[in-house]
Amino acid sequence: IPTTRALALFASDAPIYREEVETAALVVRMAPSHIRFGSFEHFYHGGKHEELKQLIDFTIEHYYPECLDADKPVLAFIQAVVERTAKMIAKWQAVGFCHGVMNTDNMSVLGLTLDYGPFGFMEAWDAGHVCNHSDHQGRYAFNQQPQIGQWNLIAWISCFLPWVEEADARDAIAQYSPLLNAEYEALLHEKLGLKTTQDGDEDLIADLFKLLQDNHPDHTNFYRALSHLPQNADRLERAPITDLFVNRDGAHQWLDDYQQRLQLESSEDAQRHIRMQVVNPKYILRNYLAQQAIDKAEEKDYSEIEVLLKLLSQPFDEQPEMHDYAKPAPDWAKSLAVSCSS
């Protein structure tokens, strides 16, 4: 998933006043550029069109040079950003990643995941999951991220109207949803180990999402367990999956449909297992794992940070000695909330 990268983490004993007094920390992040949607809005809404045109030209020249050869370079630039943004957010949705604060100043013009402060991975499946404790209205909930991405693009593209025809701008933004949906559909097929697209796939996926929403199983563990499922598994062999659901009969019914779907494309278990394991991580940064590392770090013990760094460098590998780190949150941690200072 395209993202900025953490270069270093600095700690200090200086007091920081947030929800409570905390010790200071600074993450230094690297990216080819930190130009944001908001960078363009700053000049446009300030009436500084000459400076805005300089920014547009600079960004195209240095980061989208392929657009220079287009009949309409600025429009080609807009279309490229729309495509990158749509595909990035589709990838977020596929792994259950929640950004937390998707305002336009936290959106990269390069289609990189930028400034995710109160971020989190959805653990128990909930389409309306909100990872930021101050997002009381759920503006940036998991299921709102695609729409917010589109809204941000509309706000960004409006800055180009002095140089782009309105009809062209509308056509560019109209491509966002089809691009995102196509990418998301392809990713879901990969997550389910499906090599082909066939009639009935939309119903199979819709039924799965309803089952997940009604039962709230662990998102990451469900897909990982599904990757281990033998194509002809009996009810006992399905237990690692069905035990994740309150409605086990409903889970068995969906698994019946899923196994029939695998048979339609003559799926082979060994190959499917490999395909699914490289797109469905076993390990994610769960809030309680981060909290445990924070608690130790506040006592000058950074060992758990090192453990998590190593673990999450290979999130798709089994790492059997680290299996406990794949477990869902214990009861004490289910109410953990993440803030902008986390």
Protein backbone atom coordinates (compact mmCIF):
# COMPACT_ATOMS: atom_id res chain seq x y z
CA ILE A 1 0.00 0.00 0.00
CA PRO A 2 1.65 3.29 -1.04
CA THR A 3 2.73 5.20 2.04
CA THR A 4 5.21 7.57 3.56
CA ARG A 5 7.83 5.73 5.61
CA ALA A 6 9.10 6.18 9.14
CA LEU A 7 12.82 6.94 9.23
CA ALA A 8 13.35 7.49 12.95
CA LEU A 9 11.59 7.78 16.28
CA PHE A 10 12.86 10.21 18.91
CA ALA A 11 11.78 10.25 22.55
CA SER A 12 12.05 13.00 25.15
CA ASP A 13 11.14 13.50 28.79
CA ALA A 14 9.52 16.84 27.93
CA PRO A 15 5.88 16.93 29.09
CA ILE A 16 3.24 17.12 26.37
CA TYR A 17 -0.30 18.13 27.35
CA ARG A 18 -2.84 16.10 25.42
CA GLU A 19 -5.70 14.05 26.89
CA GLU A 20 -3.27 13.64 29.77
CA VAL A 21 0.33 14.65 30.36
CA GLU A 22 2.51 12.45 28.19
CA THR A 23 6.20 12.24 27.41
CA ALA A 24 7.15 13.65 24.03
CA ALA A 25 7.91 11.64 20.92
CA LEU A 26 8.68 12.62 17.35
CA VAL A 27 8.40 10.47 14.25
CA VAL A 28 10.47 11.58 11.25
CA ARG A 29 8.76 10.46 8.07
CA MET A 30 10.14 10.26 4.53
CA ALA A 31 8.41 10.53 1.16
CA PRO A 32 9.31 11.61 -2.38
CA SER A 33 7.23 14.69 -1.59
CA HIS A 34 4.86 15.93 1.12
CA ILE A 35 2.78 18.06 -1.28
CA ARG A 36 -0.85 17.74 -0.22
CA PHE A 37 -4.28 18.54 -1.61
CA GLY A 38 -4.30 21.38 0.90
CA SER A 39 -1.14 22.86 -0.60
CA PHE A 40 -3.14 23.73 -3.72
CA GLU A 41 -6.15 24.94 -1.72
CA HIS A 42 -3.91 27.30 0.24
CA PHE A 43 -3.03 29.28 -2.87
CA TYR A 44 -6.36 28.94 -4.66
CA HIS A 45 -8.53 30.18 -1.81
CA GLY A 46 -6.00 32.91 -1.06
CA GLY A 47 -6.42 34.24 -4.58
CA LYS A 48 -2.76 33.53 -5.38
CA HIS A 49 -3.28 31.97 -8.80
CA GLU A 50 0.21 32.75 -10.08
CA GLU A 51 1.79 30.88 -7.17
CA LEU A 52 -0.73 28.06 -7.62
CA LYS A 53 0.24 27.69 -11.29
CA GLN A 54 3.89 27.50 -10.23
CA LEU A 55 3.01 24.68 -7.83
CA ILE A 56 1.01 22.83 -10.50
CA ASP A 57 3.86 23.09 -13.01
CA PHE A 58 6.45 22.04 -10.43
CA THR A 59 4.44 18.99 -9.35
CA ILE A 60 3.81 17.82 -12.90
CA GLU A 61 7.44 18.32 -13.94
CA HIS A 62 8.94 16.51 -10.95
CA TYR A 63 6.34 13.86 -10.05
CA TYR A 64 4.11 13.36 -13.11
CA PRO A 65 6.44 14.01 -16.07
CA GLU A 66 4.48 11.53 -18.21
CA CYS A 67 1.64 14.09 -18.24
CA LEU A 68 3.77 16.68 -20.02
CA ASP A 69 3.28 14.88 -23.34
CA ALA A 70 -0.52 14.82 -23.04
CA ASP A 71 -2.73 17.16 -25.08
CA LYS A 72 -3.94 18.65 -21.81
CA PRO A 73 -1.13 18.17 -19.26
CA VAL A 74 -3.01 19.66 -16.31
CA LEU A 75 -6.06 17.48 -16.96
CA ALA A 76 -3.82 14.42 -17.36
CA PHE A 77 -2.26 15.27 -13.99
CA ILE A 78 -5.70 15.46 -12.37
CA GLN A 79 -6.71 12.13 -13.89
CA ALA A 80 -3.52 10.48 -12.62
CA VAL A 81 -4.08 11.73 -9.06
CA VAL A 82 -7.70 10.53 -9.15
CA GLU A 83 -6.53 7.07 -10.19
CA ARG A 84 -3.77 6.83 -7.59
CA THR A 85 -6.07 8.00 -4.81
CA ALA A 86 -8.86 5.61 -5.76
CA LYS A 87 -6.55 2.59 -5.86
CA MET A 88 -4.84 3.54 -2.59
CA ILE A 89 -8.13 3.79 -0.69
CA ALA A 90 -9.33 0.50 -2.20
CA LYS A 91 -6.20 -1.08 -0.72
CA TRP A 92 -6.98 0.46 2.68
CA GLN A 93 -10.43 -1.08 2.59
CA ALA A 94 -9.09 -4.51 1.66
CA VAL A 95 -6.89 -4.78 4.76
CA GLY A 96 -9.25 -2.95 7.11
CA PHE A 97 -7.02 0.10 7.51
CA CYS A 98 -8.58 3.23 8.97
CA HIS A 99 -6.73 6.50 8.40
CA GLY A 100 -8.53 8.45 11.10
CA VAL A 101 -8.37 12.06 9.87
CA MET A 102 -8.88 12.31 6.12
CA ASN A 103 -9.00 16.07 5.72
CA THR A 104 -7.54 17.52 2.53
CA ASP A 105 -4.30 18.53 4.25
CA ASN A 106 -3.72 14.87 5.13
CA MET A 107 -4.08 13.66 1.53
CA SER A 108 -0.95 13.29 -0.58
CA VAL A 109 -1.00 14.46 -4.17
CA LEU A 110 1.21 11.43 -4.91
CA GLY A 111 -1.41 8.93 -3.74
CA LEU A 112 0.54 8.01 -0.60
CA THR A 113 -0.88 7.27 2.83
CA LEU A 114 0.08 10.48 4.64
CA ASP A 115 -0.35 11.87 8.17
CA TYR A 116 -2.27 8.95 9.63
CA GLY A 117 -2.21 10.00 13.27
CA PRO A 118 -5.14 8.31 15.02
CA PHE A 119 -5.04 5.38 12.61
CA GLY A 120 -5.94 1.79 13.36
CA PHE A 121 -6.70 -1.53 11.75
CA MET A 122 -10.28 -2.71 12.09
CA GLU A 123 -10.20 -5.73 14.38
CA ALA A 124 -13.75 -6.97 15.04
CA TRP A 125 -15.54 -6.43 11.72
CA ASP A 126 -17.72 -3.33 11.79
CA ALA A 127 -18.37 -1.36 8.63
CA GLY A 128 -18.95 1.75 10.74
CA HIS A 129 -15.76 1.34 12.78
CA VAL A 130 -14.30 4.67 13.94
CA CYS A 131 -10.65 4.59 14.99
CA ASN A 132 -10.31 8.19 16.20
CA HIS A 133 -11.82 8.81 19.63
CA SER A 134 -12.62 12.44 18.78
CA ASP A 135 -14.55 11.59 15.58
CA HIS A 136 -17.88 11.57 17.36
CA GLN A 137 -19.98 11.74 14.19
CA GLY A 138 -18.11 9.00 12.35
CA ARG A 139 -17.09 11.29 9.49
CA TYR A 140 -13.99 9.18 8.89
CA ALA A 141 -15.48 5.79 9.72
CA PHE A 142 -14.17 2.78 7.83
CA ASN A 143 -17.11 2.65 5.42
CA GLN A 144 -16.94 6.42 4.80
CA GLN A 145 -13.34 6.47 3.58
CA PRO A 146 -14.16 5.95 -0.13
CA GLN A 147 -16.71 8.78 -0.10
CA ILE A 148 -14.39 11.10 1.83
CA GLY A 149 -11.66 10.40 -0.70
CA GLN A 150 -14.01 11.50 -3.47
CA TRP A 151 -15.07 14.63 -1.56
CA ASN A 152 -11.42 15.57 -1.06
CA LEU A 153 -10.71 15.13 -4.76
CA ILE A 154 -13.64 17.39 -5.63
CA ALA A 155 -12.27 20.06 -3.27
CA TRP A 156 -8.80 19.65 -4.81
CA ILE A 157 -9.94 19.64 -8.44
CA SER A 158 -11.96 22.82 -7.90
CA CYS A 159 -8.60 24.61 -7.52
CA PHE A 160 -7.84 23.85 -11.19
CA LEU A 161 -10.90 25.49 -12.75
CA PRO A 162 -8.88 28.49 -13.99
CA TRP A 163 -6.96 26.08 -16.25
CA VAL A 164 -9.36 23.15 -16.83
CA GLU A 165 -12.82 23.09 -18.39
CA GLU A 166 -15.53 22.27 -15.84
CA ALA A 167 -16.84 19.42 -18.01
CA ASP A 168 -13.36 17.85 -18.09
CA ALA A 169 -13.07 18.22 -14.33
CA ARG A 170 -16.44 16.51 -13.83
CA ASP A 171 -15.43 13.67 -16.15
CA ALA A 172 -12.20 13.20 -14.18
CA ILE A 173 -13.94 12.92 -10.83
CA ALA A 174 -16.57 10.63 -12.37
CA GLN A 175 -13.81 8.05 -12.90
CA TYR A 176 -13.04 7.84 -9.18
CA SER A 177 -15.75 5.41 -8.06
CA PRO A 178 -15.38 2.99 -11.01
CA LEU A 179 -11.60 2.90 -10.48
CA LEU A 180 -11.94 2.31 -6.73
CA ASN A 181 -14.65 -0.33 -7.13
CA ALA A 182 -12.71 -2.22 -9.82
CA GLU A 183 -9.57 -2.25 -7.68
CA TYR A 184 -11.50 -3.30 -4.57
CA GLU A 185 -13.30 -6.08 -6.43
CA ALA A 186 -9.98 -7.40 -7.75
CA LEU A 187 -8.47 -7.28 -4.25
CA LEU A 188 -11.45 -9.12 -2.76
CA HIS A 189 -11.07 -11.86 -5.34
CA GLU A 190 -7.42 -12.16 -4.35
CA LYS A 191 -8.31 -12.23 -0.65
CA LEU A 192 -10.80 -15.02 -1.30
CA GLY A 193 -8.34 -16.95 -3.46
CA LEU A 194 -10.47 -16.65 -6.60
CA LYS A 195 -8.58 -16.70 -9.89
CA THR A 196 -11.51 -15.76 -12.13
CA THR A 197 -14.58 -13.55 -12.09
CA GLN A 198 -17.87 -15.34 -12.56
CA ASP A 199 -21.60 -14.73 -12.35
CA GLY A 200 -22.72 -14.82 -8.75
CA ASP A 201 -19.51 -13.39 -7.30
CA GLU A 202 -21.23 -10.15 -6.30
CA ASP A 203 -23.85 -12.11 -4.34
CA LEU A 204 -21.17 -14.27 -2.71
CA ILE A 205 -19.26 -11.18 -1.54
CA ALA A 206 -22.43 -9.33 -0.47
CA ASP A 207 -23.53 -12.35 1.58
CA LEU A 208 -20.09 -12.48 3.19
CA PHE A 209 -20.18 -8.81 4.16
CA LYS A 210 -23.63 -9.23 5.71
CA LEU A 211 -22.40 -12.26 7.67
CA LEU A 212 -19.34 -10.33 8.86
CA GLN A 213 -21.39 -7.30 9.87
CA ASP A 214 -23.93 -9.40 11.77
CA ASN A 215 -21.30 -11.42 13.65
CA HIS A 216 -18.28 -9.12 14.02
CA PRO A 217 -15.52 -11.74 13.70
CA ASP A 218 -11.91 -10.59 13.67
CA HIS A 219 -11.32 -9.22 10.17
CA THR A 220 -7.69 -10.24 9.82
CA ASN A 221 -8.04 -13.66 11.43
CA PHE A 222 -11.09 -14.55 9.33
CA TYR A 223 -9.33 -14.16 6.00
CA ARG A 224 -6.18 -15.81 7.31
CA ALA A 225 -8.17 -18.82 8.57
CA LEU A 226 -10.00 -18.99 5.25
CA SER A 227 -6.65 -19.38 3.48
CA HIS A 228 -6.08 -22.63 5.39
CA LEU A 229 -9.50 -24.09 4.56
CA PRO A 230 -9.38 -27.30 2.48
CA GLN A 231 -11.72 -27.11 -0.47
CA ASN A 232 -13.61 -30.21 0.65
CA ALA A 233 -13.50 -29.44 4.37
CA ASP A 234 -16.21 -31.05 6.49
CA ARG A 235 -17.92 -29.26 9.36
CA LEU A 236 -15.26 -30.26 11.86
CA GLU A 237 -12.45 -28.99 9.64
CA ARG A 238 -14.30 -25.69 9.29
CA ALA A 239 -14.23 -25.07 13.04
CA PRO A 240 -11.31 -22.58 13.00
CA ILE A 241 -13.53 -20.36 10.84
CA THR A 242 -17.02 -21.03 12.13
CA ASP A 243 -15.87 -20.60 15.74
CA LEU A 244 -15.27 -16.94 14.87
CA PHE A 245 -19.03 -16.48 14.31
CA VAL A 246 -21.98 -16.39 16.69
CA ASN A 247 -24.20 -17.63 13.85
CA ARG A 248 -22.30 -20.81 13.01
CA ASP A 249 -25.10 -22.12 10.78
CA GLY A 250 -24.89 -18.95 8.73
CA ALA A 251 -21.12 -19.34 8.47
CA HIS A 252 -21.53 -22.95 7.30
CA GLN A 253 -24.05 -21.86 4.67
CA TRP A 254 -21.67 -19.24 3.29
CA LEU A 255 -18.78 -21.72 3.33
CA ASP A 256 -20.95 -24.14 1.33
CA ASP A 257 -21.40 -21.45 -1.32
CA TYR A 258 -17.72 -20.55 -1.18
CA GLN A 259 -16.56 -24.12 -1.65
CA GLN A 260 -18.93 -24.57 -4.59
CA ARG A 261 -17.48 -21.40 -6.10
CA LEU A 262 -13.95 -22.79 -5.73
CA GLN A 263 -15.00 -25.94 -7.55
CA LEU A 264 -16.31 -23.90 -10.49
CA GLU A 265 -12.77 -22.80 -11.30
CA SER A 266 -11.12 -26.12 -10.39
CA SER A 267 -9.24 -24.46 -7.56
CA GLU A 268 -6.24 -26.31 -6.12
CA ASP A 269 -5.76 -25.98 -2.36
CA ALA A 270 -1.96 -25.68 -2.35
CA GLN A 271 -1.87 -22.89 -4.92
CA ARG A 272 -4.85 -21.08 -3.42
CA HIS A 273 -3.24 -21.24 0.01
CA ILE A 274 -0.12 -19.52 -1.31
CA ARG A 275 -2.09 -16.86 -3.21
CA MET A 276 -4.19 -16.01 -0.16
CA GLN A 277 -1.28 -15.97 2.27
CA VAL A 278 0.53 -13.24 0.35
CA VAL A 279 -2.46 -10.85 0.43
CA ASN A 280 -4.02 -11.65 3.82
CA PRO A 281 -1.66 -10.67 6.66
CA LYS A 282 -1.47 -12.74 9.81
CA TYR A 283 -0.22 -9.82 11.90
CA ILE A 284 -1.40 -6.24 12.16
CA LEU A 285 -0.60 -3.51 14.68
CA ARG A 286 -3.46 -4.07 17.09
CA ASN A 287 -4.18 -1.28 19.56
CA TYR A 288 -3.43 -3.42 22.58
CA LEU A 289 -0.06 -4.44 21.16
CA ALA A 290 0.82 -0.79 20.67
CA GLN A 291 -0.40 0.04 24.18
CA GLN A 292 1.78 -2.64 25.71
CA ALA A 293 4.79 -1.26 23.85
CA ILE A 294 3.92 2.28 24.97
CA ASP A 295 3.62 1.21 28.62
CA LYS A 296 7.09 -0.32 28.51
CA ALA A 297 8.58 2.61 26.62
CA GLU A 298 7.35 5.01 29.30
CA GLU A 299 9.57 3.02 31.68
CA LYS A 300 12.54 3.35 29.27
CA ASP A 301 12.13 -0.22 28.07
CA TYR A 302 12.00 -0.19 24.27
CA SER A 303 12.25 -3.94 23.82
CA GLU A 304 8.61 -4.38 22.81
CA ILE A 305 8.97 -1.71 20.13
CA GLU A 306 11.81 -3.74 18.67
CA VAL A 307 9.71 -6.91 18.81
CA LEU A 308 6.81 -5.25 16.99
CA LEU A 309 9.10 -3.70 14.40
CA LYS A 310 10.55 -7.11 13.57
CA LEU A 311 7.17 -8.85 13.67
CA LEU A 312 5.41 -6.36 11.42
CA SER A 313 8.25 -6.27 8.93
CA GLN A 314 6.99 -9.68 7.80
CA PRO A 315 3.23 -9.54 8.43
CA PHE A 316 2.38 -12.29 5.92
CA ASP A 317 4.80 -14.87 7.33
CA GLU A 318 3.53 -17.45 9.81
CA GLN A 319 6.24 -16.76 12.43
CA PRO A 320 4.84 -19.55 14.64
CA GLU A 321 6.88 -18.44 17.65
CA MET A 322 4.95 -15.12 17.52
CA HIS A 323 1.49 -16.64 17.17
CA ASP A 324 0.16 -14.95 20.32
CA TYR A 325 0.57 -11.58 18.61
CA ALA A 326 -2.18 -12.57 16.15
CA LYS A 327 -4.77 -13.04 18.90
CA PRO A 328 -7.70 -10.61 19.15
CA ALA A 329 -7.66 -7.98 21.87
CA PRO A 330 -8.20 -9.23 25.42
CA ASP A 331 -11.21 -7.88 27.31
CA TRP A 332 -9.19 -5.16 29.06
CA ALA A 333 -8.15 -3.68 25.73
CA LYS A 334 -11.38 -3.70 23.75
CA SER A 335 -12.23 -0.15 24.82
CA LEU A 336 -8.84 1.34 23.91
CA ALA A 337 -9.26 4.57 21.97
CA VAL A 338 -6.69 6.19 19.72
CA SER A 339 -6.14 9.95 19.57
CA CYS A 340 -4.15 12.31 17.36
CA SER A 341 -1.32 12.19 19.88
CA SER A 342 -1.08 8.39 19.81
